[in-house]
Structure formats: structure tokens, C-alpha cells
């Protein structure tokens, strides 16, 4: 699943809040849990690689 970065906020020296959005998240369904966690990979602009990549 892909998303657009809509906002970034520095919460502490080691933590950032990243707000994701965009049309590709239209089918995303939320659960009833208070917090939700995802694994996110941010490819730097101009990187010599692209998805898919092996982690």
C-alpha cells in the first residue's frame, strides 16, 4: 500500500509524527484499537533505488 506524506511534526529528538493520506488509502479500514502501528519505508528523493526492494 502506498500513501502520500501530508504532514511531518518533530515530537522529540528521536520521534516524529508523520500524517499519511491520498487516494491510495481510500480502502484502508481502521480497527477499534486505540493505537495502530505500521511499518513505513521512506525512500529519499533522488535515491538510486526504488520499490520493490529487499529488506
PDB file of N, CA and C in Angstrom:
ATOM      1  N   UNK A   1       0.848  -1.156   0.000  1.00  0.00           N
ATOM      2  CA  UNK A   1       0.000   0.000   0.000  1.00  0.00           C
ATOM      3  C   UNK A   1       0.902   1.229   0.000  1.00  0.00           C
ATOM      4  N   UNK A   2       0.546   2.205  -0.774  1.00  0.00           N
ATOM      5  CA  UNK A   2       1.321   3.440  -0.876  1.00  0.00           C
ATOM      6  C   UNK A   2       0.483   4.602  -0.368  1.00  0.00           C
ATOM      7  N   UNK A   3       1.152   5.632   0.128  1.00  0.00           N
ATOM      8  CA  UNK A   3       0.465   6.813   0.635  1.00  0.00           C
ATOM      9  C   UNK A   3       1.326   8.039   0.375  1.00  0.00           C
ATOM     10  N   UNK A   4       0.705   9.189   0.503  1.00  0.00           N
ATOM     11  CA  UNK A   4       1.410  10.462   0.381  1.00  0.00           C
ATOM     12  C   UNK A   4       1.661  11.016   1.774  1.00  0.00           C
ATOM     13  N   UNK A   5       2.831  11.606   1.985  1.00  0.00           N
ATOM     14  CA  UNK A   5       3.121  12.274   3.251  1.00  0.00           C
ATOM     15  C   UNK A   5       2.428  13.628   3.210  1.00  0.00           C
ATOM     16  N   UNK A   6       1.478  13.830   4.133  1.00  0.00           N
ATOM     17  CA  UNK A   6       0.706  15.071   4.183  1.00  0.00           C
ATOM     18  C   UNK A   6       1.280  16.075   5.181  1.00  0.00           C
ATOM     19  N   UNK A   7       1.889  15.571   6.268  1.00  0.00           N
ATOM     20  CA  UNK A   7       2.421  16.465   7.293  1.00  0.00           C
ATOM     21  C   UNK A   7       3.476  15.716   8.102  1.00  0.00           C
ATOM     22  N   UNK A   8       4.459  16.447   8.600  1.00  0.00           N
ATOM     23  CA  UNK A   8       5.504  15.886   9.455  1.00  0.00           C
ATOM     24  C   UNK A   8       5.683  16.827  10.634  1.00  0.00           C
ATOM     25  N   UNK A   9       5.726  16.257  11.840  1.00  0.00           N
ATOM     26  CA  UNK A   9       5.903  17.057  13.055  1.00  0.00           C
ATOM     27  C   UNK A   9       6.971  16.398  13.924  1.00  0.00           C
ATOM     28  N   UNK A  10       7.987  17.157  14.326  1.00  0.00           N
ATOM     29  CA  UNK A  10       9.040  16.652  15.206  1.00  0.00           C
ATOM     30  C   UNK A  10       8.516  16.689  16.632  1.00  0.00           C
ATOM     31  N   UNK A  11       8.289  15.532  17.253  1.00  0.00           N
ATOM     32  CA  UNK A  11       7.747  15.463  18.604  1.00  0.00           C
ATOM     33  C   UNK A  11       8.835  15.497  19.667  1.00  0.00           C
ATOM     34  N   UNK A  12       9.972  14.912  19.354  1.00  0.00           N
ATOM     35  CA  UNK A  12      11.123  14.899  20.254  1.00  0.00           C
ATOM     36  C   UNK A  12      12.356  14.663  19.381  1.00  0.00           C
ATOM     37  N   UNK A  13      13.554  14.704  19.960  1.00  0.00           N
ATOM     38  CA  UNK A  13      14.740  14.472  19.127  1.00  0.00           C
ATOM     39  C   UNK A  13      14.733  13.114  18.412  1.00  0.00           C
ATOM     40  N   UNK A  14      14.011  12.140  18.957  1.00  0.00           N
ATOM     41  CA  UNK A  14      14.019  10.792  18.385  1.00  0.00           C
ATOM     42  C   UNK A  14      12.658  10.317  17.892  1.00  0.00           C
ATOM     43  N   UNK A  15      11.677  11.207  17.813  1.00  0.00           N
ATOM     44  CA  UNK A  15      10.343  10.786  17.407  1.00  0.00           C
ATOM     45  C   UNK A  15       9.689  11.836  16.512  1.00  0.00           C
ATOM     46  N   UNK A  16       9.065  11.356  15.441  1.00  0.00           N
ATOM     47  CA  UNK A  16       8.342  12.237  14.522  1.00  0.00           C
ATOM     48  C   UNK A  16       6.935  11.699  14.308  1.00  0.00           C
ATOM     49  N   UNK A  17       6.001  12.579  14.106  1.00  0.00           N
ATOM     50  CA  UNK A  17       4.653  12.196  13.698  1.00  0.00           C
ATOM     51  C   UNK A  17       4.557  12.451  12.205  1.00  0.00           C
ATOM     52  N   UNK A  18       4.176  11.439  11.456  1.00  0.00           N
ATOM     53  CA  UNK A  18       4.022  11.544  10.011  1.00  0.00           C
ATOM     54  C   UNK A  18       2.563  11.254   9.683  1.00  0.00           C
ATOM     55  N   UNK A  19       1.895  12.215   9.060  1.00  0.00           N
ATOM     56  CA  UNK A  19       0.494  12.051   8.666  1.00  0.00           C
ATOM     57  C   UNK A  19       0.466  11.628   7.207  1.00  0.00           C
ATOM     58  N   UNK A  20      -0.189  10.495   6.959  1.00  0.00           N
ATOM     59  CA  UNK A  20      -0.286   9.956   5.607  1.00  0.00           C
ATOM     60  C   UNK A  20      -1.689  10.151   5.066  1.00  0.00           C
ATOM     61  N   UNK A  21      -1.808  10.250   3.757  1.00  0.00           N
ATOM     62  CA  UNK A  21      -3.113  10.399   3.122  1.00  0.00           C
ATOM     63  C   UNK A  21      -3.006  10.088   1.648  1.00  0.00           C
ATOM     64  N   UNK A  22      -4.046  10.446   0.921  1.00  0.00           N
ATOM     65  CA  UNK A  22      -4.049  10.238  -0.516  1.00  0.00           C
ATOM     66  C   UNK A  22      -5.070   9.207  -0.954  1.00  0.00           C
ATOM     67  N   UNK A  23      -5.300   9.167  -2.251  1.00  0.00           N
ATOM     68  CA  UNK A  23      -6.310   8.286  -2.832  1.00  0.00           C
ATOM     69  C   UNK A  23      -6.013   6.807  -2.615  1.00  0.00           C
ATOM     70  N   UNK A  24      -4.751   6.457  -2.525  1.00  0.00           N
ATOM     71  CA  UNK A  24      -4.409   5.043  -2.380  1.00  0.00           C
ATOM     72  C   UNK A  24      -4.754   4.497  -0.996  1.00  0.00           C
ATOM     73  N   UNK A  25      -5.125   5.370  -0.064  1.00  0.00           N
ATOM     74  CA  UNK A  25      -5.554   4.928   1.263  1.00  0.00           C
ATOM     75  C   UNK A  25      -7.073   4.876   1.392  1.00  0.00           C
ATOM     76  N   UNK A  26      -7.806   5.104   0.323  1.00  0.00           N
ATOM     77  CA  UNK A  26      -9.268   5.122   0.394  1.00  0.00           C
ATOM     78  C   UNK A  26      -9.845   3.820   0.929  1.00  0.00           C
ATOM     79  N   UNK A  27      -9.222   2.690   0.650  1.00  0.00           N
ATOM     80  CA  UNK A  27      -9.737   1.399   1.094  1.00  0.00           C
ATOM     81  C   UNK A  27      -9.162   0.945   2.427  1.00  0.00           C
ATOM     82  N   UNK A  28      -8.379   1.792   3.080  1.00  0.00           N
ATOM     83  CA  UNK A  28      -7.811   1.452   4.385  1.00  0.00           C
ATOM     84  C   UNK A  28      -8.925   1.420   5.416  1.00  0.00           C
ATOM     85  N   UNK A  29      -8.988   0.342   6.193  1.00  0.00           N
ATOM     86  CA  UNK A  29     -10.009   0.247   7.235  1.00  0.00           C
ATOM     87  C   UNK A  29      -9.344   0.291   8.598  1.00  0.00           C
ATOM     88  N   UNK A  30      -9.879   1.122   9.459  1.00  0.00           N
ATOM     89  CA  UNK A  30      -9.371   1.278  10.810  1.00  0.00           C
ATOM     90  C   UNK A  30      -9.992   0.213  11.711  1.00  0.00           C
ATOM     91  N   UNK A  31      -9.285  -0.136  12.793  1.00  0.00           N
ATOM     92  CA  UNK A  31      -9.809  -1.091  13.765  1.00  0.00           C
ATOM     93  C   UNK A  31     -10.276  -0.341  15.003  1.00  0.00           C
ATOM     94  N   UNK A  32     -10.783  -1.076  15.974  1.00  0.00           N
ATOM     95  CA  UNK A  32     -11.280  -0.460  17.203  1.00  0.00           C
ATOM     96  C   UNK A  32     -10.187  -0.241  18.242  1.00  0.00           C
ATOM     97  N   UNK A  33      -8.952  -0.588  17.920  1.00  0.00           N
ATOM     98  CA  UNK A  33      -7.863  -0.410  18.873  1.00  0.00           C
ATOM     99  C   UNK A  33      -7.508   1.070  19.002  1.00  0.00           C
ATOM    100  N   UNK A  34      -7.042   1.461  20.184  1.00  0.00           N
ATOM    101  CA  UNK A  34      -6.688   2.855  20.429  1.00  0.00           C
ATOM    102  C   UNK A  34      -5.544   3.313  19.540  1.00  0.00           C
ATOM    103  N   UNK A  35      -4.496   2.523  19.468  1.00  0.00           N
ATOM    104  CA  UNK A  35      -3.323   2.870  18.667  1.00  0.00           C
ATOM    105  C   UNK A  35      -3.171   1.877  17.526  1.00  0.00           C
ATOM    106  N   UNK A  36      -2.605   2.357  16.448  1.00  0.00           N
ATOM    107  CA  UNK A  36      -2.318   1.493  15.314  1.00  0.00           C
ATOM    108  C   UNK A  36      -0.883   1.736  14.893  1.00  0.00           C
ATOM    109  N   UNK A  37      -0.202   0.672  14.522  1.00  0.00           N
ATOM    110  CA  UNK A  37       1.190   0.766  14.130  1.00  0.00           C
ATOM    111  C   UNK A  37       1.377   0.164  12.749  1.00  0.00           C
ATOM    112  N   UNK A  38       2.257   0.747  11.989  1.00  0.00           N
ATOM    113  CA  UNK A  38       2.587   0.237  10.663  1.00  0.00           C
ATOM    114  C   UNK A  38       4.095   0.284  10.494  1.00  0.00           C
ATOM    115  N   UNK A  39       4.595  -0.466   9.563  1.00  0.00           N
ATOM    116  CA  UNK A  39       5.988  -0.336   9.139  1.00  0.00           C
ATOM    117  C   UNK A  39       5.999   0.575   7.930  1.00  0.00           C
ATOM    118  N   UNK A  40       6.808   1.595   7.977  1.00  0.00           N
ATOM    119  CA  UNK A  40       6.868   2.551   6.868  1.00  0.00           C
ATOM    120  C   UNK A  40       8.310   2.682   6.391  1.00  0.00           C
ATOM    121  N   UNK A  41       8.472   2.737   5.098  1.00  0.00           N
ATOM    122  CA  UNK A  41       9.779   2.912   4.483  1.00  0.00           C
ATOM    123  C   UNK A  41       9.723   4.170   3.637  1.00  0.00           C
ATOM    124  N   UNK A  42      10.582   5.122   3.925  1.00  0.00           N
ATOM    125  CA  UNK A  42      10.602   6.393   3.225  1.00  0.00           C
ATOM    126  C   UNK A  42      11.801   6.420   2.289  1.00  0.00           C
ATOM    127  N   UNK A  43      11.539   6.470   1.009  1.00  0.00           N
ATOM    128  CA  UNK A  43      12.605   6.500   0.017  1.00  0.00           C
ATOM    129  C   UNK A  43      13.002   7.954  -0.211  1.00  0.00           C
ATOM    130  N   UNK A  44      14.264   8.308   0.022  1.00  0.00           N
ATOM    131  CA  UNK A  44      14.695   9.692  -0.175  1.00  0.00           C
ATOM    132  C   UNK A  44      14.555  10.124  -1.636  1.00  0.00           C
ATOM    133  N   UNK A  45      14.243  11.374  -1.835  1.00  0.00           N
ATOM    134  CA  UNK A  45      14.182  11.912  -3.193  1.00  0.00           C
ATOM    135  C   UNK A  45      15.530  11.731  -3.863  1.00  0.00           C
ATOM    136  N   UNK A  46      15.521  11.273  -5.099  1.00  0.00           N
ATOM    137  CA  UNK A  46      16.751  11.084  -5.845  1.00  0.00           C
ATOM    138  C   UNK A  46      17.517   9.817  -5.506  1.00  0.00           C
ATOM    139  N   UNK A  47      16.917   8.928  -4.696  1.00  0.00           N
ATOM    140  CA  UNK A  47      17.609   7.686  -4.338  1.00  0.00           C
ATOM    141  C   UNK A  47      17.851   6.840  -5.580  1.00  0.00           C
ATOM    142  N   UNK A  48      18.989   6.143  -5.648  1.00  0.00           N
ATOM    143  CA  UNK A  48      19.305   5.326  -6.825  1.00  0.00           C
ATOM    144  C   UNK A  48      18.568   3.985  -6.837  1.00  0.00           C
ATOM    145  N   UNK A  49      17.584   3.805  -5.967  1.00  0.00           N
ATOM    146  CA  UNK A  49      16.807   2.573  -5.907  1.00  0.00           C
ATOM    147  C   UNK A  49      15.326   2.927  -5.793  1.00  0.00           C
ATOM    148  N   UNK A  50      14.479   1.953  -6.026  1.00  0.00           N
ATOM    149  CA  UNK A  50      13.039   2.165  -5.902  1.00  0.00           C
ATOM    150  C   UNK A  50      12.398   0.860  -5.455  1.00  0.00           C
ATOM    151  N   UNK A  51      11.117   0.891  -5.212  1.00  0.00           N
ATOM    152  CA  UNK A  51      10.413  -0.330  -4.817  1.00  0.00           C
ATOM    153  C   UNK A  51      10.215  -1.212  -6.026  1.00  0.00           C
ATOM    154  N   UNK A  52      10.140  -2.507  -5.913  1.00  0.00           N
ATOM    155  CA  UNK A  52      10.313  -3.228  -4.646  1.00  0.00           C
ATOM    156  C   UNK A  52      11.786  -3.384  -4.290  1.00  0.00           C
ATOM    157  N   UNK A  53      12.067  -3.379  -3.011  1.00  0.00           N
ATOM    158  CA  UNK A  53      13.435  -3.627  -2.572  1.00  0.00           C
ATOM    159  C   UNK A  53      13.412  -4.655  -1.456  1.00  0.00           C
ATOM    160  N   UNK A  54      14.505  -5.358  -1.292  1.00  0.00           N
ATOM    161  CA  UNK A  54      14.617  -6.439  -0.326  1.00  0.00           C
ATOM    162  C   UNK A  54      15.183  -5.889   0.970  1.00  0.00           C
ATOM    163  N   UNK A  55      14.490  -6.178   2.064  1.00  0.00           N
ATOM    164  CA  UNK A  55      14.955  -5.691   3.366  1.00  0.00           C
ATOM    165  C   UNK A  55      15.660  -6.776   4.119  1.00  0.00           C
TER     166      UNK A  55
END
